[in-house]
Amino acid sequence: MESSNCSGVQPMSAFLQLPGEIRNRIYEYALTSSSRIQYLDNEGSARQKSIFYEGSELLKQPISKVPPEFNQLKYVNRQLHHETVTLELKYNSVAFLDAQDAFANPCGCQMWSFIEDLKPSLRLWLTNVTVALSPADLPFRPFSRDAPEKLAVLDRLCLENPHINLRVVIPGWRLCPGKDPKSSVQAFVSRGLLFAHSFRADRSQSFFLPPYRPMREYPNKAVHKLLAEETRGIMRRARHYQSRAYEQYNRDIMDRPYTPVQELVKWGIGRVGKLTAPNLRLVPVVDLTWRGRLDALPVYNVVHYVDAIDLDAVLPQIKKWISEGI
């Protein structure tokens, strides 16, 4: 049936005549995503603006086609724009992804600049935020385009905004057992110890059997062993890349006294110190098929190059890292 305009009243006018409480309920229903909203950063582009779009998957950028903006209500008329602009932040979890394209900033920078531009009253709408760090361009660098110092900036932001629960997904910290679950678990535990040691100054002493547990020195020695193993693994992977783009980097990495992993530990312990915000958590990437059967993970002799590991403590720690992060 075609709508009649004989009365001269536009269809939207009837909606705007509804009580504000009813309109707010309609806005909440219309602007609540079934998954989350993700930020598309286009600050460096003259053609596109930065938008939020609906997405259920993380780490899916770069994208080949610009998705539709999630909040379309603000474009209906001036009053709806006034009532609904940025309102989607109130009703949704928000994700900032590392796009790794020509225009986008690293995701930590995206979040920082976005929140800095928000009015203080609107910042209160942000409660659950995910920052998903993509792997760096070189596949044997297991961290992100965001420098470690950016995590210190996000740490301060979380301290200043305690209502925000921030999850930082570290792509180089993966539990994807696949065909070799033992190696996957071993790498996962090693990286977890390194991240805990570097970012939180956590020596994970519960991992170590007495008489080492009360000692501060032994966990440090164990972490240095983990560090050496990670370093050898990075160098082995680096040697597989023979293109000219990697040759110079390979030569550089062999000549430098510190590899990326060593630099991470040096940054965490020497230059900045531990992250202190309790509402910032570093979380791993976990194969969804293993989430329901973690008890089947092979944790025996999981870190064979470190003596005196308490194997009974490994699986509970893995579960805690997955559920709570670092």
Protein backbone atom coordinates (compact mmCIF):
# COMPACT_ATOMS: atom_id res chain seq x y z
CA MET A 1 0.00 0.00 0.00
CA GLU A 2 1.36 3.42 -0.92
CA SER A 3 1.54 5.95 1.86
CA SER A 4 -0.65 9.00 1.50
CA ASN A 5 0.75 12.48 1.93
CA CYS A 6 -2.58 14.26 1.65
CA SER A 7 -2.39 15.47 5.22
CA GLY A 8 1.01 17.03 4.56
CA VAL A 9 2.60 15.04 7.43
CA GLN A 10 5.70 13.04 6.48
CA PRO A 11 5.84 9.41 7.72
CA MET A 12 8.92 10.15 9.84
CA SER A 13 7.08 12.90 11.68
CA ALA A 14 4.85 10.32 13.34
CA PHE A 15 7.93 8.52 14.66
CA LEU A 16 9.44 11.72 16.02
CA GLN A 17 6.19 12.46 17.81
CA LEU A 18 6.60 9.31 19.91
CA PRO A 19 7.72 9.83 23.52
CA GLY A 20 11.49 10.00 23.90
CA GLU A 21 11.57 6.87 26.07
CA ILE A 22 9.93 4.81 23.31
CA ARG A 23 12.24 6.23 20.67
CA ASN A 24 15.25 5.33 22.82
CA ARG A 25 14.07 1.72 23.06
CA ILE A 26 13.70 1.59 19.29
CA TYR A 27 17.18 3.07 18.87
CA GLU A 28 18.64 0.45 21.21
CA TYR A 29 17.00 -2.36 19.25
CA ALA A 30 18.05 -0.96 15.87
CA LEU A 31 21.62 -0.15 16.90
CA THR A 32 22.51 -3.35 18.78
CA SER A 33 24.67 -5.66 16.69
CA SER A 34 24.32 -9.42 16.95
CA SER A 35 28.13 -9.65 17.09
CA ARG A 36 30.24 -6.49 17.41
CA ILE A 37 31.01 -3.33 15.51
CA GLN A 38 34.46 -2.85 14.01
CA TYR A 39 36.28 0.35 13.19
CA LEU A 40 37.44 1.00 9.65
CA ASP A 41 40.23 3.55 9.77
CA ASN A 42 40.44 5.88 6.78
CA GLU A 43 42.14 8.88 8.36
CA GLY A 44 44.76 8.95 5.64
CA SER A 45 42.28 8.73 2.78
CA ALA A 46 40.78 11.78 1.11
CA ARG A 47 37.95 9.71 -0.38
CA GLN A 48 36.68 7.69 2.54
CA LYS A 49 35.81 8.56 6.11
CA SER A 50 36.38 6.33 9.10
CA ILE A 51 33.29 4.30 9.99
CA PHE A 52 32.00 1.53 12.21
CA TYR A 53 30.64 -1.54 10.45
CA GLU A 54 29.16 -4.80 11.69
CA GLY A 55 31.48 -7.78 11.77
CA SER A 56 31.74 -11.03 13.69
CA GLU A 57 35.26 -12.01 12.67
CA LEU A 58 38.51 -10.46 13.86
CA LEU A 59 41.68 -10.12 11.80
CA LYS A 60 39.83 -9.98 8.49
CA GLN A 61 41.50 -6.85 7.13
CA PRO A 62 42.67 -5.60 4.69
CA ILE A 63 39.25 -5.57 3.10
CA SER A 64 38.66 -5.35 -0.65
CA LYS A 65 35.30 -3.59 -0.45
CA VAL A 66 34.16 -0.90 1.97
CA PRO A 67 31.29 -2.34 4.05
CA PRO A 68 28.12 -0.36 4.78
CA GLU A 69 28.27 1.87 7.83
CA PHE A 70 26.47 0.31 10.79
CA ASN A 71 24.51 3.35 11.97
CA GLN A 72 22.33 4.49 9.08
CA LEU A 73 19.72 6.22 11.28
CA LYS A 74 21.82 9.34 11.65
CA TYR A 75 21.48 10.01 7.91
CA VAL A 76 17.65 10.05 7.84
CA ASN A 77 17.20 13.65 8.92
CA ARG A 78 18.74 16.29 11.13
CA GLN A 79 16.88 15.35 14.30
CA LEU A 80 17.69 11.65 14.03
CA HIS A 81 21.30 12.59 13.41
CA HIS A 82 21.27 14.63 16.60
CA GLU A 83 19.68 11.79 18.58
CA THR A 84 21.63 8.81 17.25
CA VAL A 85 25.12 9.95 16.18
CA THR A 86 27.70 7.72 17.98
CA LEU A 87 24.83 6.03 19.87
CA GLU A 88 25.99 2.65 18.56
CA LEU A 89 28.94 2.87 20.98
CA LYS A 90 26.51 2.60 23.90
CA TYR A 91 25.03 -0.73 22.86
CA ASN A 92 27.91 -2.71 21.36
CA SER A 93 31.31 -4.22 21.88
CA VAL A 94 33.84 -2.39 19.72
CA ALA A 95 36.88 -3.74 17.87
CA PHE A 96 39.85 -1.91 16.37
CA LEU A 97 41.72 -4.03 13.84
CA ASP A 98 45.15 -3.69 12.30
CA ALA A 99 44.34 -3.19 8.62
CA GLN A 100 47.92 -3.08 7.32
CA ASP A 101 47.01 -1.11 4.20
CA ALA A 102 48.32 2.13 2.77
CA PHE A 103 45.99 4.40 4.72
CA ALA A 104 45.21 2.74 8.03
CA ASN A 105 47.08 3.37 11.26
CA PRO A 106 48.08 0.47 13.52
CA CYS A 107 45.11 -0.52 15.64
CA GLY A 108 46.52 0.80 18.92
CA CYS A 109 46.93 4.22 17.31
CA GLN A 110 43.40 3.95 15.91
CA MET A 111 41.90 3.38 19.33
CA TRP A 112 43.96 6.09 21.00
CA SER A 113 43.13 8.79 18.45
CA PHE A 114 39.45 7.79 18.35
CA ILE A 115 39.03 8.02 22.13
CA GLU A 116 41.00 11.26 22.29
CA ASP A 117 38.46 12.83 19.90
CA LEU A 118 35.44 11.64 21.91
CA LYS A 119 33.71 13.89 24.40
CA PRO A 120 34.18 12.65 27.99
CA SER A 121 30.46 11.88 28.26
CA LEU A 122 30.64 9.65 25.18
CA ARG A 123 33.73 7.82 26.42
CA LEU A 124 31.56 6.40 29.19
CA TRP A 125 29.64 4.43 26.55
CA LEU A 126 32.76 2.44 25.68
CA THR A 127 32.89 -0.57 27.98
CA ASN A 128 34.10 -3.63 26.04
CA VAL A 129 36.83 -2.93 23.49
CA THR A 130 39.05 -5.33 21.54
CA VAL A 131 42.29 -4.31 19.87
CA ALA A 132 43.41 -7.03 17.47
CA LEU A 133 47.07 -6.82 16.52
CA SER A 134 47.84 -8.33 13.13
CA PRO A 135 51.17 -10.04 12.50
CA ALA A 136 53.90 -7.80 11.21
CA ASP A 137 54.82 -7.79 7.52
CA LEU A 138 57.71 -10.15 8.17
CA PRO A 139 56.20 -13.51 9.14
CA PHE A 140 58.94 -14.39 11.61
CA ARG A 141 58.25 -11.31 13.71
CA PRO A 142 55.49 -12.58 15.99
CA PHE A 143 54.12 -9.34 17.38
CA SER A 144 52.50 -6.37 15.62
CA ARG A 145 52.90 -3.14 13.73
CA ASP A 146 52.13 -1.32 16.97
CA ALA A 147 55.37 -0.69 18.81
CA PRO A 148 55.56 -2.10 22.35
CA GLU A 149 55.48 1.49 23.58
CA LYS A 150 51.93 1.75 22.23
CA LEU A 151 50.82 -0.82 24.79
CA ALA A 152 52.19 1.49 27.47
CA VAL A 153 50.01 4.27 26.01
CA LEU A 154 46.96 1.99 26.05
CA ASP A 155 47.85 1.06 29.62
CA ARG A 156 47.69 4.71 30.65
CA LEU A 157 44.43 5.12 28.75
CA CYS A 158 42.92 2.22 30.69
CA LEU A 159 44.10 3.67 33.99
CA GLU A 160 42.42 6.96 33.07
CA ASN A 161 39.23 5.19 31.93
CA PRO A 162 38.63 2.33 34.39
CA HIS A 163 35.17 1.64 32.92
CA ILE A 164 36.78 0.35 29.69
CA ASN A 165 37.61 -3.35 29.57
CA LEU A 166 40.29 -3.62 26.89
CA ARG A 167 41.37 -6.93 25.34
CA VAL A 168 44.51 -6.82 23.19
CA VAL A 169 44.72 -9.87 20.91
CA ILE A 170 48.33 -10.91 20.24
CA PRO A 171 48.40 -12.88 16.96
CA GLY A 172 51.86 -14.32 17.58
CA TRP A 173 50.52 -16.00 20.71
CA ARG A 174 48.47 -18.86 19.30
CA LEU A 175 47.01 -22.12 20.50
CA CYS A 176 46.14 -23.93 17.28
CA PRO A 177 47.21 -27.55 17.89
CA GLY A 178 46.27 -28.92 14.45
CA LYS A 179 48.51 -31.81 13.40
CA ASP A 180 51.20 -31.14 16.02
CA PRO A 181 49.48 -30.35 19.33
CA LYS A 182 52.61 -30.92 21.40
CA SER A 183 54.66 -28.30 19.54
CA SER A 184 51.72 -25.89 19.54
CA VAL A 185 51.28 -26.18 23.31
CA GLN A 186 55.02 -25.83 23.85
CA ALA A 187 55.15 -22.64 21.76
CA PHE A 188 52.02 -21.30 23.46
CA VAL A 189 53.42 -21.79 26.95
CA SER A 190 56.80 -20.33 25.97
CA ARG A 191 55.23 -17.22 24.49
CA GLY A 192 52.89 -16.88 27.46
CA LEU A 193 55.81 -16.91 29.88
CA LEU A 194 57.69 -14.38 27.77
CA PHE A 195 54.72 -12.00 27.50
CA ALA A 196 53.95 -12.31 31.21
CA HIS A 197 57.60 -11.67 32.05
CA SER A 198 57.97 -8.73 29.66
CA PHE A 199 54.66 -6.89 29.98
CA ARG A 200 53.66 -7.64 33.57
CA ALA A 201 57.05 -8.43 35.17
CA ASP A 202 55.42 -11.74 36.13
CA ARG A 203 58.01 -14.47 36.66
CA SER A 204 55.24 -17.12 36.74
CA GLN A 205 56.83 -18.76 39.76
CA SER A 206 53.90 -21.14 40.18
CA PHE A 207 55.27 -22.98 37.13
CA PHE A 208 58.40 -24.05 38.97
CA LEU A 209 58.81 -26.84 41.49
CA PRO A 210 60.35 -26.29 44.92
CA PRO A 211 63.02 -25.46 45.91
CA TYR A 212 63.03 -23.03 42.98
CA ARG A 213 59.62 -21.50 43.56
CA PRO A 214 60.66 -19.22 46.43
CA MET A 215 63.72 -18.05 44.53
CA ARG A 216 63.57 -14.98 42.32
CA GLU A 217 66.67 -15.95 40.36
CA TYR A 218 65.62 -19.31 38.99
CA PRO A 219 62.54 -18.11 37.08
CA ASN A 220 64.74 -15.44 35.52
CA LYS A 221 67.18 -18.10 34.33
CA ALA A 222 64.29 -20.16 32.98
CA VAL A 223 62.95 -17.20 31.04
CA HIS A 224 66.39 -16.65 29.55
CA LYS A 225 66.32 -20.26 28.35
CA LEU A 226 62.91 -19.67 26.82
CA LEU A 227 64.26 -16.53 25.24
CA ALA A 228 67.17 -18.39 23.68
CA GLU A 229 64.85 -21.05 22.26
CA GLU A 230 62.48 -18.45 20.80
CA THR A 231 65.44 -16.62 19.27
CA ARG A 232 66.73 -19.77 17.57
CA GLY A 233 63.26 -20.47 16.21
CA ILE A 234 62.97 -16.99 14.75
CA MET A 235 66.36 -17.30 13.08
CA ARG A 236 65.47 -20.69 11.61
CA ARG A 237 62.27 -19.27 10.15
CA ALA A 238 64.13 -16.25 8.84
CA ARG A 239 66.48 -18.47 6.84
CA HIS A 240 63.55 -19.89 4.88
CA TYR A 241 62.92 -16.53 3.22
CA GLN A 242 65.31 -16.11 0.31
CA SER A 243 63.86 -13.14 -1.57
CA ARG A 244 65.85 -9.93 -1.77
CA ALA A 245 63.32 -8.20 0.45
CA TYR A 246 64.34 -10.49 3.32
CA GLU A 247 68.04 -11.02 2.61
CA GLN A 248 69.18 -7.72 4.09
CA TYR A 249 66.90 -8.16 7.08
CA ASN A 250 68.24 -11.66 7.61
CA ARG A 251 71.81 -10.33 7.57
CA ASP A 252 70.82 -7.57 9.95
CA ILE A 253 69.09 -9.90 12.38
CA MET A 254 72.13 -12.18 12.49
CA ASP A 255 74.44 -9.22 13.16
CA ARG A 256 72.30 -7.50 15.77
CA PRO A 257 72.79 -8.37 19.45
CA TYR A 258 69.03 -8.49 20.02
CA THR A 259 66.31 -10.24 18.03
CA PRO A 260 62.68 -9.00 18.18
CA VAL A 261 61.93 -11.31 21.11
CA GLN A 262 64.96 -10.11 23.03
CA GLU A 263 64.02 -6.50 22.32
CA LEU A 264 60.56 -7.19 23.72
CA VAL A 265 62.00 -8.48 26.97
CA LYS A 266 64.49 -5.62 27.12
CA TRP A 267 61.66 -3.12 26.59
CA GLY A 268 59.45 -4.67 29.23
CA ILE A 269 62.05 -4.98 31.95
CA GLY A 270 64.49 -2.18 31.28
CA ARG A 271 62.91 0.75 29.50
CA VAL A 272 59.26 0.96 30.50
CA GLY A 273 58.44 -1.49 33.23
CA LYS A 274 55.32 -3.52 33.68
CA LEU A 275 51.83 -2.68 32.48
CA THR A 276 49.68 -1.93 35.51
CA ALA A 277 46.08 -1.37 34.34
CA PRO A 278 43.92 -4.29 35.56
CA ASN A 279 41.34 -3.54 32.86
CA LEU A 280 43.87 -4.16 30.06
CA ARG A 281 44.38 -7.83 29.22
CA LEU A 282 46.64 -9.43 26.62
CA VAL A 283 44.84 -12.43 25.13
CA PRO A 284 45.89 -15.21 22.73
CA VAL A 285 44.41 -16.49 19.49
CA VAL A 286 42.83 -19.90 20.16
CA ASP A 287 41.55 -22.43 17.65
CA LEU A 288 37.82 -22.60 18.38
CA THR A 289 37.78 -26.38 17.88
CA TRP A 290 40.01 -26.75 20.96
CA ARG A 291 38.15 -24.43 23.33
CA GLY A 292 35.86 -27.18 24.53
CA ARG A 293 38.52 -29.85 25.00
CA LEU A 294 41.50 -28.18 26.59
CA ASP A 295 41.84 -31.08 29.02
CA ALA A 296 43.02 -33.20 26.07
CA LEU A 297 46.05 -31.01 25.42
CA PRO A 298 49.40 -32.85 25.77
CA VAL A 299 51.18 -30.95 28.52
CA TYR A 300 53.74 -33.62 29.44
CA ASN A 301 57.30 -32.38 29.09
CA VAL A 302 55.83 -29.28 27.48
CA VAL A 303 58.90 -27.10 27.97
CA HIS A 304 61.61 -29.73 27.86
CA TYR A 305 64.47 -27.22 27.74
CA VAL A 306 63.50 -25.74 31.13
CA ASP A 307 64.15 -27.84 34.23
CA ALA A 308 61.85 -28.16 37.21
CA ILE A 309 58.56 -27.25 35.51
CA ASP A 310 55.53 -28.25 37.57
CA LEU A 311 53.45 -30.07 34.94
CA ASP A 312 50.36 -29.95 37.15
CA ALA A 313 50.46 -26.15 36.91
CA VAL A 314 50.66 -25.97 33.11
CA LEU A 315 47.09 -26.81 32.11
CA PRO A 316 45.44 -24.54 34.74
CA GLN A 317 47.69 -21.70 33.57
CA ILE A 318 46.78 -22.31 29.91
CA LYS A 319 43.08 -22.14 30.82
CA LYS A 320 43.63 -18.97 32.84
CA TRP A 321 45.50 -17.27 29.99
CA ILE A 322 42.68 -18.15 27.58
CA SER A 323 39.87 -16.98 29.89
CA GLU A 324 41.55 -13.99 31.54
CA GLY A 325 44.62 -13.12 29.46
CA ILE A 326 47.78 -11.63 30.91
